Amino acid sequence: MAIFEKPVNVIGRVEDLLEAKVEPIILKSQLKEIERIASSRRWRASRIAKTLLKLIESKFEVVDDPGGNVDEAIVGVSKREGFIVATNDRELRRKLRKNGVTVIYMKSDGKFELEGYQP
């Protein structure tokens, strides 16, 4: 959801960073979490989540996962499938790096950083 706090074309910026076309995916458990936030009473978070859901609907493929803890599902599926994960969540980034998963994140200056990439 952080991508909507500053207007950034994340998919385009990731493609520029990787110098390749990407096919963005989202796990079903992540989607459910965003839907829950969209229906919450927290006005700002709800508004951002609703905007994000529109983007997901038009640009992302939804992928099944084992459910349960969202972070564990992200780590497990990305490790198994060789996915690169874009996240600004520091704890999730740490877990992903520990498991050998490549991570993309946005730095405070708006630049995107790639960690752990092994072609």
N, C-alpha and C. Protein backbone atom coordinates (compact mmCIF):
# COMPACT_ATOMS: atom_id res chain seq x y z
N MET A 1 0.82 -1.20 0.00
CA MET A 1 0.00 0.00 0.00
C MET A 1 0.86 1.26 0.00
N ALA A 2 2.12 1.12 0.35
CA ALA A 2 3.00 2.28 0.41
C ALA A 2 3.15 2.97 -0.94
N ILE A 3 2.92 2.23 -2.03
CA ILE A 3 3.09 2.84 -3.35
C ILE A 3 2.08 3.94 -3.61
N PHE A 4 0.97 3.95 -2.89
CA PHE A 4 -0.04 4.97 -3.11
C PHE A 4 0.13 6.19 -2.20
N GLU A 5 1.07 6.12 -1.28
CA GLU A 5 1.35 7.28 -0.45
C GLU A 5 2.15 8.31 -1.23
N LYS A 6 2.95 7.85 -2.18
CA LYS A 6 3.65 8.71 -3.13
C LYS A 6 3.29 8.17 -4.51
N PRO A 7 2.87 9.03 -5.44
CA PRO A 7 2.50 8.51 -6.76
C PRO A 7 3.72 7.98 -7.52
N VAL A 8 3.80 6.66 -7.61
CA VAL A 8 4.93 6.00 -8.25
C VAL A 8 4.40 4.89 -9.15
N ASN A 9 4.91 4.82 -10.38
CA ASN A 9 4.58 3.72 -11.27
C ASN A 9 5.50 2.55 -10.92
N VAL A 10 5.09 1.76 -9.93
CA VAL A 10 5.95 0.70 -9.41
C VAL A 10 6.29 -0.32 -10.48
N ILE A 11 5.32 -0.77 -11.22
CA ILE A 11 5.57 -1.80 -12.22
C ILE A 11 6.58 -1.29 -13.26
N GLY A 12 6.39 -0.07 -13.73
CA GLY A 12 7.33 0.51 -14.69
C GLY A 12 8.72 0.67 -14.12
N ARG A 13 8.80 1.10 -12.87
CA ARG A 13 10.10 1.29 -12.23
C ARG A 13 10.81 -0.04 -12.00
N VAL A 14 10.06 -1.08 -11.65
CA VAL A 14 10.64 -2.41 -11.48
C VAL A 14 11.15 -2.93 -12.82
N GLU A 15 10.36 -2.73 -13.88
CA GLU A 15 10.81 -3.16 -15.20
C GLU A 15 12.08 -2.43 -15.62
N ASP A 16 12.16 -1.14 -15.32
CA ASP A 16 13.38 -0.38 -15.62
C ASP A 16 14.57 -0.93 -14.85
N LEU A 17 14.37 -1.23 -13.58
CA LEU A 17 15.44 -1.75 -12.73
C LEU A 17 15.94 -3.10 -13.23
N LEU A 18 15.01 -3.97 -13.59
CA LEU A 18 15.37 -5.32 -14.03
C LEU A 18 15.71 -5.39 -15.52
N GLU A 19 15.40 -4.31 -16.23
CA GLU A 19 15.58 -4.27 -17.68
C GLU A 19 14.86 -5.44 -18.35
N ALA A 20 13.65 -5.66 -17.89
CA ALA A 20 12.83 -6.76 -18.40
C ALA A 20 11.36 -6.49 -18.12
N LYS A 21 10.50 -7.10 -18.91
CA LYS A 21 9.06 -7.03 -18.68
C LYS A 21 8.73 -7.92 -17.49
N VAL A 22 7.86 -7.47 -16.61
CA VAL A 22 7.46 -8.29 -15.46
C VAL A 22 5.98 -8.62 -15.53
N GLU A 23 5.64 -9.72 -14.92
CA GLU A 23 4.25 -10.14 -14.80
C GLU A 23 3.92 -10.11 -13.31
N PRO A 24 3.33 -9.01 -12.83
CA PRO A 24 3.08 -8.90 -11.39
C PRO A 24 2.04 -9.91 -10.91
N ILE A 25 2.33 -10.49 -9.76
CA ILE A 25 1.39 -11.43 -9.14
C ILE A 25 1.13 -10.98 -7.71
N ILE A 26 0.04 -11.48 -7.17
CA ILE A 26 -0.27 -11.27 -5.77
C ILE A 26 -0.85 -12.58 -5.24
N LEU A 27 -0.48 -12.93 -4.04
CA LEU A 27 -1.01 -14.15 -3.44
C LEU A 27 -2.44 -13.91 -2.97
N LYS A 28 -3.23 -14.96 -3.01
CA LYS A 28 -4.63 -14.87 -2.60
C LYS A 28 -4.74 -14.37 -1.15
N SER A 29 -3.83 -14.81 -0.28
CA SER A 29 -3.88 -14.37 1.12
C SER A 29 -3.56 -12.87 1.25
N GLN A 30 -2.67 -12.36 0.39
CA GLN A 30 -2.40 -10.92 0.38
C GLN A 30 -3.65 -10.15 -0.07
N LEU A 31 -4.29 -10.66 -1.11
CA LEU A 31 -5.49 -10.02 -1.63
C LEU A 31 -6.57 -9.95 -0.56
N LYS A 32 -6.76 -11.03 0.18
CA LYS A 32 -7.76 -11.04 1.25
C LYS A 32 -7.43 -10.01 2.32
N GLU A 33 -6.15 -9.84 2.63
CA GLU A 33 -5.72 -8.85 3.63
C GLU A 33 -6.04 -7.44 3.13
N ILE A 34 -5.80 -7.17 1.87
CA ILE A 34 -6.09 -5.85 1.30
C ILE A 34 -7.60 -5.62 1.27
N GLU A 35 -8.38 -6.64 0.94
CA GLU A 35 -9.84 -6.51 0.94
C GLU A 35 -10.35 -6.21 2.35
N ARG A 36 -9.74 -6.83 3.35
CA ARG A 36 -10.13 -6.57 4.74
C ARG A 36 -9.85 -5.12 5.11
N ILE A 37 -8.70 -4.61 4.71
CA ILE A 37 -8.35 -3.21 4.99
C ILE A 37 -9.29 -2.28 4.25
N ALA A 38 -9.65 -2.63 3.02
CA ALA A 38 -10.54 -1.79 2.22
C ALA A 38 -11.92 -1.65 2.86
N SER A 39 -12.34 -2.67 3.60
CA SER A 39 -13.65 -2.61 4.24
C SER A 39 -13.59 -2.12 5.69
N SER A 40 -12.40 -1.69 6.13
CA SER A 40 -12.25 -1.22 7.51
C SER A 40 -12.79 0.19 7.67
N ARG A 41 -12.84 0.64 8.90
CA ARG A 41 -13.34 1.99 9.20
C ARG A 41 -12.23 3.03 9.19
N ARG A 42 -10.99 2.59 9.02
CA ARG A 42 -9.87 3.54 8.95
C ARG A 42 -9.90 4.18 7.57
N TRP A 43 -10.36 5.40 7.50
CA TRP A 43 -10.67 6.06 6.23
C TRP A 43 -9.49 6.08 5.27
N ARG A 44 -8.32 6.56 5.72
CA ARG A 44 -7.17 6.70 4.83
C ARG A 44 -6.70 5.34 4.32
N ALA A 45 -6.54 4.38 5.22
CA ALA A 45 -6.10 3.04 4.82
C ALA A 45 -7.12 2.38 3.90
N SER A 46 -8.38 2.56 4.20
CA SER A 46 -9.45 1.98 3.39
C SER A 46 -9.43 2.55 1.97
N ARG A 47 -9.25 3.85 1.87
CA ARG A 47 -9.21 4.51 0.56
C ARG A 47 -8.02 4.02 -0.26
N ILE A 48 -6.86 3.92 0.35
CA ILE A 48 -5.66 3.43 -0.34
C ILE A 48 -5.86 1.98 -0.78
N ALA A 49 -6.42 1.16 0.11
CA ALA A 49 -6.65 -0.26 -0.21
C ALA A 49 -7.62 -0.41 -1.38
N LYS A 50 -8.65 0.40 -1.43
CA LYS A 50 -9.60 0.33 -2.54
C LYS A 50 -8.94 0.71 -3.87
N THR A 51 -8.08 1.70 -3.84
CA THR A 51 -7.34 2.08 -5.05
C THR A 51 -6.41 0.94 -5.47
N LEU A 52 -5.76 0.35 -4.51
CA LEU A 52 -4.86 -0.77 -4.78
C LEU A 52 -5.63 -1.95 -5.38
N LEU A 53 -6.82 -2.23 -4.90
CA LEU A 53 -7.63 -3.32 -5.44
C LEU A 53 -7.95 -3.10 -6.92
N LYS A 54 -8.19 -1.86 -7.31
CA LYS A 54 -8.44 -1.55 -8.73
C LYS A 54 -7.21 -1.86 -9.57
N LEU A 55 -6.03 -1.50 -9.06
CA LEU A 55 -4.79 -1.80 -9.78
C LEU A 55 -4.58 -3.30 -9.89
N ILE A 56 -4.79 -4.01 -8.81
CA ILE A 56 -4.62 -5.46 -8.80
C ILE A 56 -5.53 -6.11 -9.83
N GLU A 57 -6.77 -5.66 -9.87
CA GLU A 57 -7.75 -6.22 -10.79
C GLU A 57 -7.32 -6.07 -12.24
N SER A 58 -6.67 -4.95 -12.56
CA SER A 58 -6.31 -4.71 -13.95
C SER A 58 -4.92 -5.20 -14.34
N LYS A 59 -4.00 -5.37 -13.39
CA LYS A 59 -2.61 -5.64 -13.74
C LYS A 59 -2.02 -6.92 -13.16
N PHE A 60 -2.62 -7.50 -12.13
CA PHE A 60 -1.99 -8.60 -11.40
C PHE A 60 -2.69 -9.93 -11.64
N GLU A 61 -1.90 -10.98 -11.59
CA GLU A 61 -2.44 -12.34 -11.58
C GLU A 61 -2.51 -12.77 -10.12
N VAL A 62 -3.64 -13.35 -9.73
CA VAL A 62 -3.81 -13.84 -8.36
C VAL A 62 -3.36 -15.30 -8.32
N VAL A 63 -2.47 -15.61 -7.37
CA VAL A 63 -1.89 -16.95 -7.25
C VAL A 63 -2.32 -17.57 -5.92
N ASP A 64 -2.74 -18.83 -5.98
CA ASP A 64 -3.10 -19.55 -4.76
C ASP A 64 -1.88 -19.76 -3.87
N ASP A 65 -2.13 -19.83 -2.58
CA ASP A 65 -1.07 -20.09 -1.62
C ASP A 65 -1.67 -20.93 -0.49
N PRO A 66 -0.81 -21.44 0.40
CA PRO A 66 -1.32 -22.32 1.45
C PRO A 66 -2.15 -21.62 2.52
N GLY A 67 -2.21 -20.29 2.49
CA GLY A 67 -2.97 -19.55 3.50
C GLY A 67 -2.17 -19.39 4.77
N GLY A 68 -2.84 -19.06 5.85
CA GLY A 68 -2.15 -18.86 7.12
C GLY A 68 -1.48 -17.51 7.16
N ASN A 69 -0.31 -17.45 7.76
CA ASN A 69 0.44 -16.21 7.90
C ASN A 69 0.87 -15.71 6.51
N VAL A 70 0.54 -14.46 6.21
CA VAL A 70 0.80 -13.90 4.88
C VAL A 70 2.30 -13.85 4.59
N ASP A 71 3.09 -13.38 5.55
CA ASP A 71 4.54 -13.29 5.32
C ASP A 71 5.14 -14.67 5.04
N GLU A 72 4.72 -15.67 5.79
CA GLU A 72 5.23 -17.03 5.57
C GLU A 72 4.83 -17.54 4.20
N ALA A 73 3.62 -17.22 3.78
CA ALA A 73 3.16 -17.63 2.44
C ALA A 73 4.00 -16.96 1.36
N ILE A 74 4.29 -15.67 1.53
CA ILE A 74 5.10 -14.94 0.55
C ILE A 74 6.49 -15.58 0.46
N VAL A 75 7.11 -15.83 1.61
CA VAL A 75 8.44 -16.43 1.62
C VAL A 75 8.42 -17.81 0.96
N GLY A 76 7.47 -18.64 1.36
CA GLY A 76 7.40 -20.01 0.84
C GLY A 76 7.17 -20.07 -0.66
N VAL A 77 6.17 -19.33 -1.13
CA VAL A 77 5.83 -19.37 -2.56
C VAL A 77 6.95 -18.74 -3.39
N SER A 78 7.49 -17.61 -2.94
CA SER A 78 8.54 -16.96 -3.73
C SER A 78 9.81 -17.79 -3.78
N LYS A 79 10.12 -18.47 -2.69
CA LYS A 79 11.30 -19.34 -2.67
C LYS A 79 11.09 -20.54 -3.60
N ARG A 80 9.92 -21.14 -3.51
CA ARG A 80 9.62 -22.33 -4.33
C ARG A 80 9.54 -22.00 -5.82
N GLU A 81 8.94 -20.85 -6.15
CA GLU A 81 8.70 -20.49 -7.55
C GLU A 81 9.80 -19.61 -8.15
N GLY A 82 10.72 -19.13 -7.32
CA GLY A 82 11.78 -18.26 -7.81
C GLY A 82 11.31 -16.85 -8.11
N PHE A 83 10.25 -16.40 -7.44
CA PHE A 83 9.73 -15.06 -7.66
C PHE A 83 10.62 -14.02 -6.99
N ILE A 84 10.66 -12.83 -7.58
CA ILE A 84 11.27 -11.66 -6.96
C ILE A 84 10.14 -10.94 -6.23
N VAL A 85 10.39 -10.51 -5.00
CA VAL A 85 9.35 -9.87 -4.19
C VAL A 85 9.64 -8.38 -4.05
N ALA A 86 8.63 -7.56 -4.31
CA ALA A 86 8.74 -6.13 -4.09
C ALA A 86 8.01 -5.80 -2.79
N THR A 87 8.75 -5.29 -1.80
CA THR A 87 8.15 -4.94 -0.52
C THR A 87 8.99 -3.91 0.19
N ASN A 88 8.35 -3.08 0.98
CA ASN A 88 9.06 -2.14 1.84
C ASN A 88 9.00 -2.58 3.30
N ASP A 89 8.43 -3.71 3.57
CA ASP A 89 8.33 -4.24 4.94
C ASP A 89 9.70 -4.79 5.36
N ARG A 90 10.34 -4.12 6.31
CA ARG A 90 11.71 -4.50 6.70
C ARG A 90 11.80 -5.92 7.23
N GLU A 91 10.87 -6.32 8.06
CA GLU A 91 10.91 -7.67 8.63
C GLU A 91 10.73 -8.72 7.53
N LEU A 92 9.82 -8.48 6.61
CA LEU A 92 9.61 -9.41 5.50
C LEU A 92 10.86 -9.46 4.62
N ARG A 93 11.47 -8.31 4.35
CA ARG A 93 12.71 -8.29 3.56
C ARG A 93 13.79 -9.14 4.22
N ARG A 94 13.91 -9.05 5.55
CA ARG A 94 14.90 -9.83 6.28
C ARG A 94 14.63 -11.33 6.11
N LYS A 95 13.37 -11.73 6.25
CA LYS A 95 13.00 -13.14 6.10
C LYS A 95 13.28 -13.63 4.68
N LEU A 96 12.98 -12.80 3.70
CA LEU A 96 13.20 -13.18 2.30
C LEU A 96 14.69 -13.34 2.01
N ARG A 97 15.50 -12.38 2.45
CA ARG A 97 16.95 -12.46 2.24
C ARG A 97 17.52 -13.72 2.90
N LYS A 98 17.04 -14.02 4.11
CA LYS A 98 17.50 -15.21 4.85
C LYS A 98 17.20 -16.48 4.06
N ASN A 99 16.14 -16.44 3.25
CA ASN A 99 15.73 -17.61 2.45
C ASN A 99 16.21 -17.54 1.01
N GLY A 100 17.09 -16.60 0.71
CA GLY A 100 17.67 -16.52 -0.63
C GLY A 100 16.76 -15.96 -1.70
N VAL A 101 15.73 -15.20 -1.31
CA VAL A 101 14.79 -14.63 -2.27
C VAL A 101 15.23 -13.21 -2.62
N THR A 102 15.22 -12.89 -3.90
CA THR A 102 15.56 -11.55 -4.37
C THR A 102 14.44 -10.58 -3.98
N VAL A 103 14.84 -9.40 -3.50
CA VAL A 103 13.89 -8.40 -3.02
C VAL A 103 14.13 -7.06 -3.71
N ILE A 104 13.03 -6.40 -4.05
CA ILE A 104 13.08 -5.03 -4.55
C ILE A 104 12.34 -4.17 -3.54
N TYR A 105 12.93 -3.03 -3.18
CA TYR A 105 12.26 -2.12 -2.28
C TYR A 105 12.54 -0.68 -2.69
N MET A 106 11.68 0.22 -2.22
CA MET A 106 11.85 1.63 -2.53
C MET A 106 12.53 2.32 -1.36
N LYS A 107 13.65 2.98 -1.65
CA LYS A 107 14.38 3.71 -0.61
C LYS A 107 13.67 5.03 -0.32
N SER A 108 14.08 5.68 0.76
CA SER A 108 13.43 6.93 1.17
C SER A 108 13.58 8.04 0.13
N ASP A 109 14.60 7.96 -0.71
CA ASP A 109 14.78 8.97 -1.75
C ASP A 109 13.98 8.66 -3.02
N GLY A 110 13.18 7.59 -2.97
CA GLY A 110 12.33 7.22 -4.11
C GLY A 110 12.99 6.29 -5.11
N LYS A 111 14.27 6.00 -4.92
CA LYS A 111 14.96 5.07 -5.82
C LYS A 111 14.65 3.64 -5.42
N PHE A 112 14.65 2.77 -6.42
CA PHE A 112 14.39 1.36 -6.17
C PHE A 112 15.72 0.62 -6.03
N GLU A 113 15.77 -0.32 -5.11
CA GLU A 113 16.98 -1.08 -4.82
C GLU A 113 16.68 -2.57 -5.00
N LEU A 114 17.64 -3.29 -5.54
CA LEU A 114 17.53 -4.73 -5.77
C LEU A 114 18.51 -5.43 -4.84
N GLU A 115 18.01 -6.37 -4.03
CA GLU A 115 18.87 -7.12 -3.09
C GLU A 115 18.84 -8.60 -3.42
N GLY A 116 20.01 -9.21 -3.43
CA GLY A 116 20.10 -10.66 -3.53
C GLY A 116 19.86 -11.23 -4.91
N TYR A 117 19.99 -10.42 -5.95
CA TYR A 117 19.75 -10.92 -7.30
C TYR A 117 20.90 -11.80 -7.77
N GLN A 118 20.57 -13.00 -8.22
CA GLN A 118 21.55 -13.91 -8.78
C GLN A 118 21.02 -14.45 -10.09
N PRO A 119 21.52 -13.92 -11.23
CA PRO A 119 21.00 -14.34 -12.55
C PRO A 119 21.21 -15.81 -12.83
